[in-house]
Amino acid sequence: MVKKNLAYVLYDFHTGGMETTIYNLARHLNDEFNFHFIATHVPKIHNKFKELGEAAYIKDYKSLVKYYKKNNIDIVQVNIEDWYARAAKEAGVKRIVERTDGDRNCCKSSKKYVDYVIASTNGTKKLIAKQITEKKIEVVYNGVDINIFGRGNRNRCGFSEHDIIVGRVGRLVGGKRVELLIQALSWIGKSSDPHKKRVKLVIVGGNSKMPGAPPMKANWERLARQLGLLNYSVIFTGDKENPAPYINGFDICACVSNEKNEGIPNSLLEPMAARCPAIATNVGNINELVNNENGFFVSQNPQDIGKKILQLCDDKLRKKMGRAARKTIEKHFNMDRMIKKYRRIYLDI
């Protein structure tokens, strides 16, 4: 069988939930497609993508049309931007797929140039259905490689097995509200709870690579330093080529983002696969993942967050909810299910 040429077009190919999903797709479908990774905003493309296919930085419409034609692209998967899909239509690409992620941007593009839309959640599907017939929309949850998480190497950043590590993994941008987790740890430290000295916070990830993005890592490190927590009970690891050992070292995972900053984030999916109960704000479509059995919803209030963390310091409760978290991922968010759905969509539109 002749392999089809499939191009993914994003702002950048470095770190983030969408990039992780695309990398996993390409890694598992590499025998069936020739992959092209096209970044339009950030020139540097991570080497792991270059190992799986062709990589290009293209920042204008005409050059994108030319690239599609020159490389005989059969399928294009776009995200957010209309001009990616419009260029594909002009170039005569046979199949144009848009993959949406979260409430904030799922309706940003017009959908008039795409043949099919992959919605990352049921919530986004309802919004997209106002733009395009439901027959052309399918919900495909992000999948997690459950063989990587919950076993193997564990990096606890020097903290003991007795400690309780609250973990946050992902790109550090303002809407993720990491300061709330730092403030929650400060509140815990001032409480009279007997578990307070056990609680630690590990933040895995670096700043956004987008031009003009603020240096949130430095801002949040400054806050932790001012509160006397940095490198004592709060650790920032920076970007990690392989975050899995750090995630496997978490005991609790946290995502306290602003409204419309999340769909169903990998920052919860991966730690939950590693049997971490979740502490999350009920924003975006996180309620399709987190429930009362596998985690807690919190307000954006450090004291509320701190109380839920302390509640999960009960070893029996934390492990029970962690097992429920793992079962949720195995049933609804496993990698094999995601790969099968994408393969069918790419080939059968």
Protein backbone atom coordinates (compact mmCIF):
# COMPACT_ATOMS: atom_id res chain seq x y z
CA MET A 1 0.00 0.00 0.00
CA VAL A 2 1.30 3.44 -0.94
CA LYS A 3 1.68 5.61 2.15
CA LYS A 4 -0.37 8.81 2.17
CA ASN A 5 1.24 12.16 2.93
CA LEU A 6 -0.25 13.68 6.08
CA ALA A 7 0.59 17.20 7.27
CA TYR A 8 -0.05 18.58 10.74
CA VAL A 9 -0.13 22.38 10.98
CA LEU A 10 0.23 24.13 14.35
CA TYR A 11 1.64 27.33 15.82
CA ASP A 12 4.60 25.37 17.17
CA PHE A 13 5.91 21.87 17.72
CA HIS A 14 7.65 21.93 21.06
CA THR A 15 5.75 21.11 24.26
CA GLY A 16 2.05 21.09 25.08
CA GLY A 17 -1.03 18.90 25.03
CA MET A 18 -1.78 19.18 21.31
CA GLU A 19 1.85 18.57 20.39
CA THR A 20 1.95 15.49 22.62
CA THR A 21 -1.17 14.08 20.98
CA ILE A 22 0.24 14.62 17.48
CA TYR A 23 3.57 13.06 18.45
CA ASN A 24 1.80 9.98 19.78
CA LEU A 25 -0.30 9.69 16.62
CA ALA A 26 2.74 9.94 14.37
CA ARG A 27 4.70 7.49 16.49
CA HIS A 28 1.99 4.84 16.20
CA LEU A 29 0.97 5.48 12.57
CA ASN A 30 4.43 5.93 11.10
CA ASP A 31 4.18 2.74 9.03
CA GLU A 32 1.02 3.97 7.30
CA PHE A 33 1.68 7.67 6.61
CA ASN A 34 4.48 10.01 5.58
CA PHE A 35 4.32 12.83 8.13
CA HIS A 36 4.96 16.55 7.71
CA PHE A 37 5.05 18.88 10.73
CA ILE A 38 4.49 22.52 9.80
CA ALA A 39 4.94 25.28 12.41
CA THR A 40 3.67 28.78 11.62
CA HIS A 41 4.71 30.85 14.65
CA VAL A 42 7.78 29.29 16.35
CA PRO A 43 10.74 28.36 14.10
CA LYS A 44 12.29 25.80 16.43
CA ILE A 45 10.72 22.37 16.00
CA HIS A 46 11.52 19.67 18.53
CA ASN A 47 13.86 16.97 17.24
CA LYS A 48 11.46 14.17 18.15
CA PHE A 49 9.14 15.35 15.36
CA LYS A 50 12.01 15.54 12.87
CA GLU A 51 12.77 11.90 13.63
CA LEU A 52 9.26 10.94 12.50
CA GLY A 53 8.94 13.01 9.34
CA GLU A 54 9.61 16.26 7.52
CA ALA A 55 9.55 19.50 9.52
CA ALA A 56 9.06 23.02 8.18
CA TYR A 57 8.56 26.55 9.48
CA ILE A 58 6.15 28.42 7.20
CA LYS A 59 4.67 31.76 8.23
CA ASP A 60 2.75 32.94 5.15
CA TYR A 61 -0.20 31.74 3.10
CA LYS A 62 1.43 31.47 -0.33
CA SER A 63 4.37 29.46 0.98
CA LEU A 64 1.98 27.08 2.72
CA VAL A 65 0.01 26.49 -0.50
CA LYS A 66 3.29 25.88 -2.32
CA TYR A 67 4.46 23.38 0.32
CA TYR A 68 1.21 21.39 0.15
CA LYS A 69 1.49 21.16 -3.65
CA LYS A 70 5.22 20.40 -3.79
CA ASN A 71 4.93 17.56 -1.28
CA ASN A 72 1.70 16.09 -2.68
CA ILE A 73 -0.05 16.31 0.67
CA ASP A 74 -3.11 14.04 0.78
CA ILE A 75 -4.42 14.88 4.25
CA VAL A 76 -4.02 18.03 6.33
CA GLN A 77 -4.91 18.33 10.01
CA VAL A 78 -5.24 21.91 11.21
CA ASN A 79 -5.99 23.66 14.47
CA ILE A 80 -7.72 27.02 15.05
CA GLU A 81 -6.56 28.99 12.00
CA ASP A 82 -8.76 29.24 8.88
CA TRP A 83 -5.85 30.06 6.61
CA TYR A 84 -4.24 26.67 7.20
CA ALA A 85 -7.34 24.95 5.80
CA ARG A 86 -7.98 27.55 3.09
CA ALA A 87 -4.43 27.04 1.80
CA ALA A 88 -5.03 23.28 1.74
CA LYS A 89 -8.24 23.75 -0.23
CA GLU A 90 -6.45 25.97 -2.77
CA ALA A 91 -3.65 23.40 -3.08
CA GLY A 92 -6.15 20.66 -3.89
CA VAL A 93 -5.58 18.61 -0.72
CA LYS A 94 -8.09 15.75 -0.75
CA ARG A 95 -8.92 15.61 2.96
CA ILE A 96 -8.86 18.49 5.41
CA VAL A 97 -9.45 17.75 9.08
CA GLU A 98 -9.67 20.23 11.93
CA ARG A 99 -8.93 19.08 15.45
CA THR A 100 -10.36 21.37 18.13
CA ASP A 101 -9.31 21.62 21.76
CA GLY A 102 -11.31 23.35 24.50
CA ASP A 103 -14.12 25.88 24.58
CA ARG A 104 -11.99 28.97 24.05
CA ASN A 105 -10.83 28.28 20.49
CA CYS A 106 -13.06 25.50 19.18
CA CYS A 107 -15.22 27.94 17.19
CA LYS A 108 -12.49 30.38 16.20
CA SER A 109 -12.28 29.05 12.64
CA SER A 110 -15.24 29.14 10.26
CA LYS A 111 -15.12 25.39 9.41
CA LYS A 112 -16.07 26.18 5.80
CA TYR A 113 -12.80 24.82 4.39
CA VAL A 114 -12.71 21.53 6.34
CA ASP A 115 -14.22 18.15 5.53
CA TYR A 116 -14.34 16.81 9.07
CA VAL A 117 -13.89 18.04 12.64
CA ILE A 118 -12.40 16.06 15.51
CA ALA A 119 -13.73 17.41 18.80
CA SER A 120 -11.64 16.68 21.88
CA THR A 121 -14.68 16.65 24.18
CA ASN A 122 -18.46 16.26 24.11
CA GLY A 123 -18.76 19.84 25.30
CA THR A 124 -16.86 21.24 22.34
CA LYS A 125 -18.90 19.08 19.94
CA LYS A 126 -22.06 20.89 21.03
CA LEU A 127 -20.48 24.26 20.27
CA ILE A 128 -19.03 23.16 16.92
CA ALA A 129 -22.42 21.77 15.84
CA LYS A 130 -23.58 25.38 15.49
CA GLN A 131 -21.06 25.77 12.63
CA ILE A 132 -21.09 22.43 10.81
CA THR A 133 -23.42 19.44 10.56
CA GLU A 134 -23.01 16.89 13.35
CA LYS A 135 -22.40 14.18 10.73
CA LYS A 136 -19.00 15.76 10.14
CA ILE A 137 -18.01 15.89 13.82
CA GLU A 138 -16.61 13.10 15.96
CA VAL A 139 -15.48 13.20 19.58
CA VAL A 140 -12.08 11.61 20.11
CA TYR A 141 -10.63 11.89 23.60
CA ASN A 142 -6.89 12.31 23.97
CA GLY A 143 -5.28 8.97 24.67
CA VAL A 144 -2.62 8.13 27.22
CA ASP A 145 -0.02 5.39 26.93
CA ILE A 146 -0.97 3.56 30.10
CA ASN A 147 2.18 1.42 29.91
CA ILE A 148 4.36 4.48 30.60
CA PHE A 149 2.55 5.86 33.61
CA GLY A 150 2.13 4.21 36.98
CA ARG A 151 5.20 2.00 36.71
CA GLY A 152 8.90 2.23 35.94
CA ASN A 153 11.22 5.07 36.97
CA ARG A 154 9.99 7.55 39.56
CA ASN A 155 11.70 10.90 40.10
CA ARG A 156 10.55 12.51 43.36
CA CYS A 157 12.97 15.44 43.16
CA GLY A 158 14.69 14.40 46.38
CA PHE A 159 11.50 14.19 48.43
CA SER A 160 10.92 11.10 50.56
CA GLU A 161 8.29 8.40 50.09
CA HIS A 162 6.62 9.75 53.24
CA ASP A 163 6.09 13.13 51.58
CA ILE A 164 2.97 13.91 49.55
CA ILE A 165 3.87 15.44 46.18
CA VAL A 166 1.27 17.60 44.49
CA GLY A 167 2.28 17.77 40.83
CA ARG A 168 1.53 20.11 37.95
CA VAL A 169 2.90 19.34 34.49
CA GLY A 170 2.65 21.41 31.31
CA ARG A 171 3.48 24.66 29.62
CA LEU A 172 3.71 27.57 32.06
CA VAL A 173 1.30 30.28 30.91
CA GLY A 174 -0.68 32.73 33.02
CA GLY A 175 -4.06 31.07 32.63
CA LYS A 176 -2.78 27.93 34.39
CA ARG A 177 -2.77 29.87 37.72
CA VAL A 178 0.17 28.07 39.31
CA GLU A 179 0.37 30.87 41.89
CA LEU A 180 -2.78 29.43 43.50
CA LEU A 181 -0.97 26.15 44.17
CA ILE A 182 2.00 27.98 45.67
CA GLN A 183 -0.32 30.05 47.87
CA ALA A 184 -2.18 26.88 48.88
CA LEU A 185 1.12 25.37 50.08
CA SER A 186 1.80 28.53 52.06
CA TRP A 187 -1.64 28.24 53.69
CA ILE A 188 -1.02 24.56 54.48
CA GLY A 189 2.31 25.44 56.10
CA LYS A 190 0.57 27.87 58.45
CA SER A 191 -2.20 25.43 59.36
CA SER A 192 -2.27 23.15 62.40
CA ASP A 193 -2.81 20.03 60.31
CA PRO A 194 -0.48 17.17 61.33
CA HIS A 195 0.28 16.39 57.66
CA LYS A 196 1.42 19.91 56.76
CA LYS A 197 5.14 19.12 56.64
CA ARG A 198 4.53 16.20 54.26
CA VAL A 199 3.05 18.32 51.45
CA LYS A 200 5.35 19.33 48.58
CA LEU A 201 4.73 20.90 45.17
CA VAL A 202 6.55 19.95 41.95
CA ILE A 203 6.00 22.03 38.80
CA VAL A 204 7.22 20.32 35.62
CA GLY A 205 7.46 22.46 32.48
CA GLY A 206 8.85 25.67 31.08
CA ASN A 207 7.64 28.92 29.59
CA SER A 208 5.66 29.13 26.37
CA LYS A 209 7.85 29.39 23.27
CA MET A 210 5.37 31.73 21.57
CA PRO A 211 6.84 35.16 20.67
CA GLY A 212 6.08 37.72 23.39
CA ALA A 213 4.95 35.18 25.99
CA PRO A 214 5.66 36.41 29.55
CA PRO A 215 8.26 34.57 31.69
CA MET A 216 5.77 32.95 34.04
CA LYS A 217 8.28 30.48 35.47
CA ALA A 218 10.43 33.30 36.85
CA ASN A 219 7.34 35.10 38.17
CA TRP A 220 6.11 32.03 40.03
CA GLU A 221 9.58 31.17 41.31
CA ARG A 222 9.78 34.69 42.72
CA LEU A 223 6.48 34.19 44.57
CA ALA A 224 7.64 30.85 46.01
CA ARG A 225 10.90 32.48 47.12
CA GLN A 226 9.05 35.36 48.80
CA LEU A 227 6.93 32.84 50.71
CA GLY A 228 10.01 30.90 51.80
CA LEU A 229 9.02 27.79 49.84
CA LEU A 230 11.31 27.67 46.79
CA ASN A 231 13.63 24.65 46.74
CA TYR A 232 12.29 23.63 50.13
CA SER A 233 8.72 22.50 49.53
CA VAL A 234 8.26 23.90 45.99
CA ILE A 235 10.39 22.69 43.08
CA PHE A 236 10.37 23.94 39.48
CA THR A 237 12.05 21.38 37.22
CA GLY A 238 11.89 23.37 33.98
CA ASP A 239 11.27 21.69 30.62
CA LYS A 240 11.90 17.96 30.62
CA GLU A 241 12.48 15.86 27.52
CA ASN A 242 10.77 12.96 29.27
CA PRO A 243 8.42 14.09 32.05
CA ALA A 244 7.08 10.57 32.74
CA PRO A 245 9.44 9.77 35.68
CA TYR A 246 8.39 13.02 37.38
CA ILE A 247 4.70 12.31 36.78
CA ASN A 248 5.18 8.81 38.17
CA GLY A 249 6.59 10.46 41.29
CA PHE A 250 3.44 12.52 41.92
CA ASP A 251 0.92 11.53 44.60
CA ILE A 252 -1.75 14.08 43.64
CA CYS A 253 -2.20 16.01 40.39
CA ALA A 254 -3.54 19.55 40.17
CA CYS A 255 -5.01 21.77 37.47
CA VAL A 256 -6.52 25.02 38.75
CA SER A 257 -6.70 26.88 35.44
CA ASN A 258 -8.96 29.73 34.43
CA GLU A 259 -12.19 29.21 32.52
CA LYS A 260 -11.64 28.43 28.81
CA ASN A 261 -7.97 27.52 29.37
CA GLU A 262 -8.58 23.77 29.25
CA GLY A 263 -10.39 21.10 27.31
CA ILE A 264 -9.50 17.80 28.96
CA PRO A 265 -5.84 18.45 29.72
CA ASN A 266 -2.94 16.03 29.48
CA SER A 267 -1.77 17.64 32.72
CA LEU A 268 -4.49 15.57 34.41
CA LEU A 269 -4.75 12.60 32.05
CA GLU A 270 -1.15 11.45 32.43
CA PRO A 271 -0.89 11.71 36.24
CA MET A 272 -4.30 10.08 36.63
CA ALA A 273 -2.97 7.18 34.56
CA ALA A 274 -0.23 7.02 37.21
CA ARG A 275 -2.92 6.60 39.90
CA CYS A 276 -2.97 10.21 41.09
CA PRO A 277 -6.30 11.61 42.27
CA ALA A 278 -7.04 15.03 40.77
CA ILE A 279 -7.63 18.45 42.27
CA ALA A 280 -9.09 20.69 39.59
CA THR A 281 -11.21 23.70 38.84
CA ASN A 282 -14.44 22.79 37.05
CA VAL A 283 -13.58 24.63 33.84
CA GLY A 284 -13.67 23.72 30.17
CA ASN A 285 -14.68 20.09 29.91
CA ILE A 286 -12.73 18.72 32.86
CA ASN A 287 -16.02 17.40 34.26
CA GLU A 288 -15.90 14.75 31.50
CA LEU A 289 -12.80 13.40 33.26
CA VAL A 290 -12.94 14.25 36.96
CA ASN A 291 -15.73 13.05 39.24
CA ASN A 292 -16.21 12.54 42.97
CA GLU A 293 -14.59 9.10 42.79
CA ASN A 294 -11.27 10.07 41.17
CA GLY A 295 -10.75 13.65 42.34
CA PHE A 296 -12.09 16.87 43.81
CA PHE A 297 -13.26 20.10 42.24
CA VAL A 298 -12.05 23.29 43.91
CA SER A 299 -12.58 27.02 43.58
CA GLN A 300 -9.71 29.32 42.68
CA ASN A 301 -9.10 29.96 46.36
CA PRO A 302 -5.81 28.87 47.98
CA GLN A 303 -7.53 27.85 51.21
CA ASP A 304 -10.07 25.67 49.39
CA ILE A 305 -7.27 24.07 47.37
CA GLY A 306 -5.21 23.55 50.51
CA LYS A 307 -8.07 21.85 52.34
CA LYS A 308 -8.57 19.34 49.52
CA ILE A 309 -4.85 18.60 49.41
CA LEU A 310 -4.86 17.91 53.14
CA GLN A 311 -7.91 15.69 52.75
CA LEU A 312 -5.94 13.60 50.24
CA CYS A 313 -3.07 13.24 52.71
CA ASP A 314 -5.16 10.40 54.12
CA ASP A 315 -3.25 7.51 52.56
CA LYS A 316 -6.25 5.19 52.32
CA LEU A 317 -8.47 7.77 50.61
CA ARG A 318 -5.73 8.94 48.24
CA LYS A 319 -4.92 5.42 47.07
CA LYS A 320 -8.60 4.55 46.63
CA MET A 321 -9.22 7.64 44.48
CA GLY A 322 -5.96 7.01 42.63
CA ARG A 323 -7.13 3.55 41.62
CA ALA A 324 -10.39 5.07 40.37
CA ALA A 325 -8.39 7.63 38.37
CA ARG A 326 -6.41 4.86 36.67
CA LYS A 327 -9.61 2.98 35.79
CA THR A 328 -11.08 6.13 34.23
CA ILE A 329 -8.06 6.48 31.95
CA GLU A 330 -8.00 2.79 31.03
CA LYS A 331 -11.67 2.82 30.08
CA HIS A 332 -12.10 6.14 28.28
CA PHE A 333 -8.71 7.72 27.53
CA ASN A 334 -6.37 4.93 26.46
CA MET A 335 -3.99 5.34 23.55
CA ASP A 336 -5.18 2.38 21.47
CA ARG A 337 -8.74 3.71 21.34
CA MET A 338 -7.51 7.13 20.17
CA ILE A 339 -5.19 5.71 17.48
CA LYS A 340 -7.93 3.51 15.99
CA LYS A 341 -10.35 6.43 15.71
CA TYR A 342 -7.83 8.77 14.10
CA ARG A 343 -6.73 6.09 11.63
CA ARG A 344 -10.32 5.55 10.52
CA ILE A 345 -10.98 9.28 10.19
CA TYR A 346 -7.84 9.85 8.11
CA LEU A 347 -8.61 6.99 5.74
CA ASP A 348 -12.42 6.92 5.56
CA ILE A 349 -13.60 10.52 5.32
